[in-house]
Amino acid sequence: MEQRILTELVNSSGVVSAQILDENGLVVLNVSSEQVQDFSSITAVMEHSQDSQSVTITTQNAILVANRLNHDNLLIVQLQASCNLGSIRKLLSKAVVELNALQE
């Protein structure tokens, strides 16, 4: 079921990859149209912003969005820099709700 949710995200326009990381920062599930990236930087940002449910990092080449899930897991999505971030945020909100429901 988690695989289906991540695949739907990656099949959306502008989404390059989607990963679920466990509480130790290890990749639990990865769906990617490109080579797997190292997301340790965004994991560190999430550790230092305990009050935030979501963090977005924008670079010249990509956008990274991390969302907290239940059980200290993270959903990390890599987006193309030119994507429609607003529409993808709606998809991410839906995916977070579905993933959290699966983890209960």
N, C-alpha and C. Protein backbone atom coordinates (compact mmCIF):
# COMPACT_ATOMS: atom_id res chain seq x y z
N MET A 1 0.81 -1.19 0.00
CA MET A 1 0.00 0.00 0.00
C MET A 1 0.86 1.26 0.00
N GLU A 2 1.93 1.27 0.83
CA GLU A 2 2.83 2.42 0.86
C GLU A 2 3.49 2.61 -0.50
N GLN A 3 3.84 1.50 -1.14
CA GLN A 3 4.45 1.54 -2.47
C GLN A 3 3.51 2.24 -3.45
N ARG A 4 2.23 1.95 -3.39
CA ARG A 4 1.25 2.56 -4.29
C ARG A 4 1.18 4.07 -4.06
N ILE A 5 1.19 4.49 -2.81
CA ILE A 5 1.10 5.91 -2.48
C ILE A 5 2.31 6.66 -3.02
N LEU A 6 3.50 6.11 -2.80
CA LEU A 6 4.71 6.76 -3.30
C LEU A 6 4.76 6.74 -4.82
N THR A 7 4.31 5.68 -5.43
CA THR A 7 4.29 5.60 -6.90
C THR A 7 3.36 6.65 -7.49
N GLU A 8 2.21 6.87 -6.86
CA GLU A 8 1.29 7.92 -7.31
C GLU A 8 1.96 9.29 -7.24
N LEU A 9 2.72 9.53 -6.18
CA LEU A 9 3.45 10.80 -6.06
C LEU A 9 4.47 10.96 -7.18
N VAL A 10 5.27 9.94 -7.40
CA VAL A 10 6.34 10.01 -8.41
C VAL A 10 5.76 10.13 -9.81
N ASN A 11 4.57 9.58 -10.02
CA ASN A 11 3.93 9.69 -11.33
C ASN A 11 3.31 11.07 -11.57
N SER A 12 3.32 11.91 -10.56
CA SER A 12 2.79 13.27 -10.70
C SER A 12 3.83 14.16 -11.38
N SER A 13 3.36 15.10 -12.15
CA SER A 13 4.24 16.01 -12.87
C SER A 13 5.11 16.81 -11.90
N GLY A 14 6.43 16.77 -12.12
CA GLY A 14 7.36 17.53 -11.31
C GLY A 14 7.98 16.78 -10.16
N VAL A 15 7.48 15.58 -9.85
CA VAL A 15 8.02 14.80 -8.74
C VAL A 15 9.09 13.84 -9.27
N VAL A 16 10.27 13.91 -8.69
CA VAL A 16 11.40 13.09 -9.13
C VAL A 16 11.51 11.81 -8.30
N SER A 17 11.36 11.94 -6.97
CA SER A 17 11.48 10.77 -6.11
C SER A 17 10.70 10.97 -4.83
N ALA A 18 10.40 9.86 -4.18
CA ALA A 18 9.71 9.88 -2.88
C ALA A 18 10.30 8.76 -2.04
N GLN A 19 10.60 9.08 -0.79
CA GLN A 19 11.19 8.11 0.12
C GLN A 19 10.53 8.20 1.48
N ILE A 20 10.47 7.05 2.14
CA ILE A 20 10.08 7.02 3.55
C ILE A 20 11.33 6.61 4.32
N LEU A 21 11.69 7.43 5.31
CA LEU A 21 12.83 7.15 6.17
C LEU A 21 12.32 6.82 7.56
N ASP A 22 13.00 5.87 8.22
CA ASP A 22 12.61 5.53 9.59
C ASP A 22 13.20 6.52 10.57
N GLU A 23 12.98 6.28 11.86
CA GLU A 23 13.43 7.22 12.89
C GLU A 23 14.95 7.37 12.95
N ASN A 24 15.69 6.42 12.35
CA ASN A 24 17.15 6.48 12.31
C ASN A 24 17.68 7.09 11.02
N GLY A 25 16.78 7.52 10.14
CA GLY A 25 17.19 8.11 8.87
C GLY A 25 17.50 7.10 7.79
N LEU A 26 17.15 5.86 8.02
CA LEU A 26 17.38 4.81 7.03
C LEU A 26 16.19 4.70 6.08
N VAL A 27 16.47 4.47 4.81
CA VAL A 27 15.42 4.38 3.81
C VAL A 27 14.64 3.09 4.00
N VAL A 28 13.34 3.24 4.21
CA VAL A 28 12.43 2.11 4.36
C VAL A 28 11.85 1.74 2.99
N LEU A 29 11.51 2.78 2.22
CA LEU A 29 10.91 2.58 0.91
C LEU A 29 11.33 3.73 0.01
N ASN A 30 11.68 3.42 -1.23
CA ASN A 30 12.12 4.44 -2.18
C ASN A 30 11.47 4.18 -3.53
N VAL A 31 10.90 5.23 -4.10
CA VAL A 31 10.38 5.18 -5.47
C VAL A 31 10.99 6.38 -6.17
N SER A 32 11.73 6.12 -7.25
CA SER A 32 12.47 7.20 -7.88
C SER A 32 12.54 7.00 -9.39
N SER A 33 12.49 8.12 -10.10
CA SER A 33 12.69 8.08 -11.55
C SER A 33 14.15 8.36 -11.89
N GLU A 34 14.95 8.65 -10.85
CA GLU A 34 16.37 8.94 -11.01
C GLU A 34 17.16 8.20 -9.94
N GLN A 35 18.46 8.41 -9.93
CA GLN A 35 19.34 7.80 -8.94
C GLN A 35 18.97 8.29 -7.55
N VAL A 36 19.07 7.42 -6.57
CA VAL A 36 18.73 7.74 -5.19
C VAL A 36 19.67 8.83 -4.67
N GLN A 37 19.09 9.82 -4.03
CA GLN A 37 19.84 10.95 -3.48
C GLN A 37 20.09 10.74 -1.99
N ASP A 38 21.05 11.48 -1.46
CA ASP A 38 21.33 11.48 -0.03
C ASP A 38 20.54 12.63 0.60
N PHE A 39 19.63 12.29 1.49
CA PHE A 39 18.78 13.30 2.10
C PHE A 39 19.17 13.59 3.55
N SER A 40 20.41 13.36 3.89
CA SER A 40 20.84 13.58 5.27
C SER A 40 20.71 15.04 5.69
N SER A 41 20.87 15.97 4.74
CA SER A 41 20.78 17.39 5.09
C SER A 41 19.36 17.76 5.52
N ILE A 42 18.37 17.28 4.81
CA ILE A 42 17.00 17.62 5.19
C ILE A 42 16.58 16.86 6.46
N THR A 43 17.15 15.69 6.67
CA THR A 43 16.88 14.96 7.90
C THR A 43 17.41 15.75 9.10
N ALA A 44 18.60 16.33 8.95
CA ALA A 44 19.18 17.14 10.02
C ALA A 44 18.33 18.38 10.29
N VAL A 45 17.80 18.99 9.24
CA VAL A 45 16.94 20.16 9.41
C VAL A 45 15.68 19.77 10.19
N MET A 46 15.11 18.62 9.86
CA MET A 46 13.90 18.17 10.56
C MET A 46 14.18 17.89 12.04
N GLU A 47 15.37 17.37 12.34
CA GLU A 47 15.72 17.10 13.73
C GLU A 47 15.82 18.40 14.53
N HIS A 48 16.23 19.48 13.89
CA HIS A 48 16.39 20.76 14.59
C HIS A 48 15.12 21.61 14.57
N SER A 49 14.10 21.16 13.88
CA SER A 49 12.84 21.90 13.85
C SER A 49 11.71 20.97 14.27
N GLN A 50 11.77 20.59 15.54
CA GLN A 50 10.83 19.62 16.09
C GLN A 50 9.38 20.07 16.01
N ASP A 51 9.14 21.37 15.99
CA ASP A 51 7.77 21.88 15.96
C ASP A 51 7.16 21.87 14.57
N SER A 52 7.98 21.72 13.56
CA SER A 52 7.49 21.77 12.17
C SER A 52 7.07 20.40 11.69
N GLN A 53 5.92 20.35 11.05
CA GLN A 53 5.44 19.11 10.45
C GLN A 53 6.01 18.92 9.05
N SER A 54 6.41 20.03 8.44
CA SER A 54 6.91 19.98 7.07
C SER A 54 8.02 21.03 6.90
N VAL A 55 9.04 20.66 6.13
CA VAL A 55 10.13 21.57 5.82
C VAL A 55 10.38 21.50 4.32
N THR A 56 10.57 22.67 3.71
CA THR A 56 10.86 22.75 2.28
C THR A 56 12.22 23.41 2.10
N ILE A 57 13.08 22.78 1.31
CA ILE A 57 14.38 23.33 0.97
C ILE A 57 14.41 23.51 -0.54
N THR A 58 14.70 24.74 -0.96
CA THR A 58 14.74 25.05 -2.38
C THR A 58 16.18 25.33 -2.79
N THR A 59 16.62 24.65 -3.85
CA THR A 59 17.94 24.89 -4.41
C THR A 59 17.75 25.30 -5.87
N GLN A 60 18.84 25.58 -6.51
CA GLN A 60 18.77 25.97 -7.92
C GLN A 60 18.29 24.82 -8.80
N ASN A 61 18.61 23.59 -8.40
CA ASN A 61 18.31 22.43 -9.24
C ASN A 61 17.11 21.60 -8.80
N ALA A 62 16.67 21.76 -7.56
CA ALA A 62 15.59 20.91 -7.06
C ALA A 62 14.93 21.53 -5.84
N ILE A 63 13.80 20.96 -5.48
CA ILE A 63 13.09 21.32 -4.25
C ILE A 63 12.95 20.02 -3.44
N LEU A 64 13.28 20.08 -2.17
CA LEU A 64 13.10 18.95 -1.28
C LEU A 64 12.04 19.30 -0.26
N VAL A 65 11.09 18.39 -0.06
CA VAL A 65 10.05 18.60 0.94
C VAL A 65 10.05 17.38 1.86
N ALA A 66 10.14 17.65 3.16
CA ALA A 66 10.08 16.58 4.15
C ALA A 66 8.83 16.77 5.00
N ASN A 67 8.11 15.69 5.21
CA ASN A 67 6.90 15.70 6.04
C ASN A 67 7.04 14.65 7.13
N ARG A 68 6.70 15.03 8.35
CA ARG A 68 6.72 14.06 9.45
C ARG A 68 5.55 13.09 9.30
N LEU A 69 5.85 11.84 9.61
CA LEU A 69 4.83 10.80 9.65
C LEU A 69 4.78 10.26 11.07
N ASN A 70 3.82 9.39 11.33
CA ASN A 70 3.73 8.74 12.63
C ASN A 70 5.00 7.92 12.90
N HIS A 71 5.26 7.65 14.16
CA HIS A 71 6.39 6.82 14.60
C HIS A 71 7.74 7.40 14.19
N ASP A 72 7.84 8.72 14.12
CA ASP A 72 9.09 9.43 13.80
C ASP A 72 9.63 9.11 12.42
N ASN A 73 8.79 8.64 11.52
CA ASN A 73 9.20 8.43 10.13
C ASN A 73 9.09 9.75 9.36
N LEU A 74 9.78 9.82 8.23
CA LEU A 74 9.72 10.99 7.37
C LEU A 74 9.36 10.58 5.95
N LEU A 75 8.57 11.40 5.30
CA LEU A 75 8.32 11.29 3.87
C LEU A 75 9.12 12.41 3.23
N ILE A 76 10.06 12.05 2.38
CA ILE A 76 10.89 13.05 1.70
C ILE A 76 10.65 12.94 0.21
N VAL A 77 10.34 14.08 -0.39
CA VAL A 77 10.03 14.11 -1.82
C VAL A 77 10.97 15.10 -2.49
N GLN A 78 11.58 14.66 -3.59
CA GLN A 78 12.42 15.54 -4.40
C GLN A 78 11.62 15.97 -5.61
N LEU A 79 11.61 17.29 -5.86
CA LEU A 79 10.82 17.85 -6.95
C LEU A 79 11.73 18.60 -7.93
N GLN A 80 11.25 18.73 -9.14
CA GLN A 80 11.96 19.56 -10.11
C GLN A 80 11.82 21.01 -9.67
N ALA A 81 12.84 21.79 -9.92
CA ALA A 81 12.82 23.20 -9.49
C ALA A 81 11.70 23.99 -10.14
N SER A 82 11.25 23.57 -11.32
CA SER A 82 10.22 24.30 -12.06
C SER A 82 8.81 23.76 -11.83
N CYS A 83 8.63 22.90 -10.84
CA CYS A 83 7.32 22.26 -10.62
C CYS A 83 6.29 23.23 -10.06
N ASN A 84 5.03 22.82 -10.10
CA ASN A 84 3.93 23.57 -9.49
C ASN A 84 3.84 23.13 -8.03
N LEU A 85 4.54 23.83 -7.16
CA LEU A 85 4.65 23.43 -5.76
C LEU A 85 3.30 23.39 -5.06
N GLY A 86 2.41 24.31 -5.40
CA GLY A 86 1.09 24.34 -4.78
C GLY A 86 0.29 23.07 -5.00
N SER A 87 0.26 22.60 -6.25
CA SER A 87 -0.51 21.38 -6.54
C SER A 87 0.15 20.15 -5.93
N ILE A 88 1.48 20.16 -5.87
CA ILE A 88 2.17 19.00 -5.28
C ILE A 88 1.97 18.98 -3.77
N ARG A 89 1.89 20.15 -3.14
CA ARG A 89 1.62 20.18 -1.69
C ARG A 89 0.27 19.54 -1.36
N LYS A 90 -0.72 19.72 -2.22
CA LYS A 90 -2.02 19.08 -2.01
C LYS A 90 -1.88 17.57 -2.07
N LEU A 91 -1.11 17.08 -3.05
CA LEU A 91 -0.87 15.64 -3.17
C LEU A 91 -0.11 15.11 -1.96
N LEU A 92 0.85 15.89 -1.48
CA LEU A 92 1.63 15.48 -0.31
C LEU A 92 0.76 15.40 0.93
N SER A 93 -0.13 16.35 1.11
CA SER A 93 -1.03 16.33 2.27
C SER A 93 -1.87 15.06 2.28
N LYS A 94 -2.40 14.72 1.12
CA LYS A 94 -3.20 13.50 0.99
C LYS A 94 -2.35 12.27 1.27
N ALA A 95 -1.13 12.24 0.74
CA ALA A 95 -0.23 11.10 0.95
C ALA A 95 0.13 10.94 2.42
N VAL A 96 0.38 12.05 3.11
CA VAL A 96 0.72 11.99 4.54
C VAL A 96 -0.44 11.39 5.34
N VAL A 97 -1.65 11.83 5.06
CA VAL A 97 -2.82 11.29 5.75
C VAL A 97 -2.95 9.79 5.51
N GLU A 98 -2.79 9.36 4.26
CA GLU A 98 -2.91 7.94 3.91
C GLU A 98 -1.80 7.11 4.56
N LEU A 99 -0.57 7.62 4.53
CA LEU A 99 0.55 6.89 5.14
C LEU A 99 0.39 6.78 6.65
N ASN A 100 -0.05 7.86 7.29
CA ASN A 100 -0.28 7.81 8.74
C ASN A 100 -1.37 6.83 9.10
N ALA A 101 -2.41 6.76 8.28
CA ALA A 101 -3.50 5.81 8.53
C ALA A 101 -2.98 4.37 8.46
N LEU A 102 -2.06 4.11 7.57
CA LEU A 102 -1.49 2.76 7.44
C LEU A 102 -0.62 2.40 8.64
N GLN A 103 -0.01 3.38 9.27
CA GLN A 103 0.91 3.12 10.37
C GLN A 103 0.22 3.03 11.73
N GLU A 104 -1.07 3.26 11.78
CA GLU A 104 -1.80 3.20 13.06
C GLU A 104 -2.08 1.78 13.45
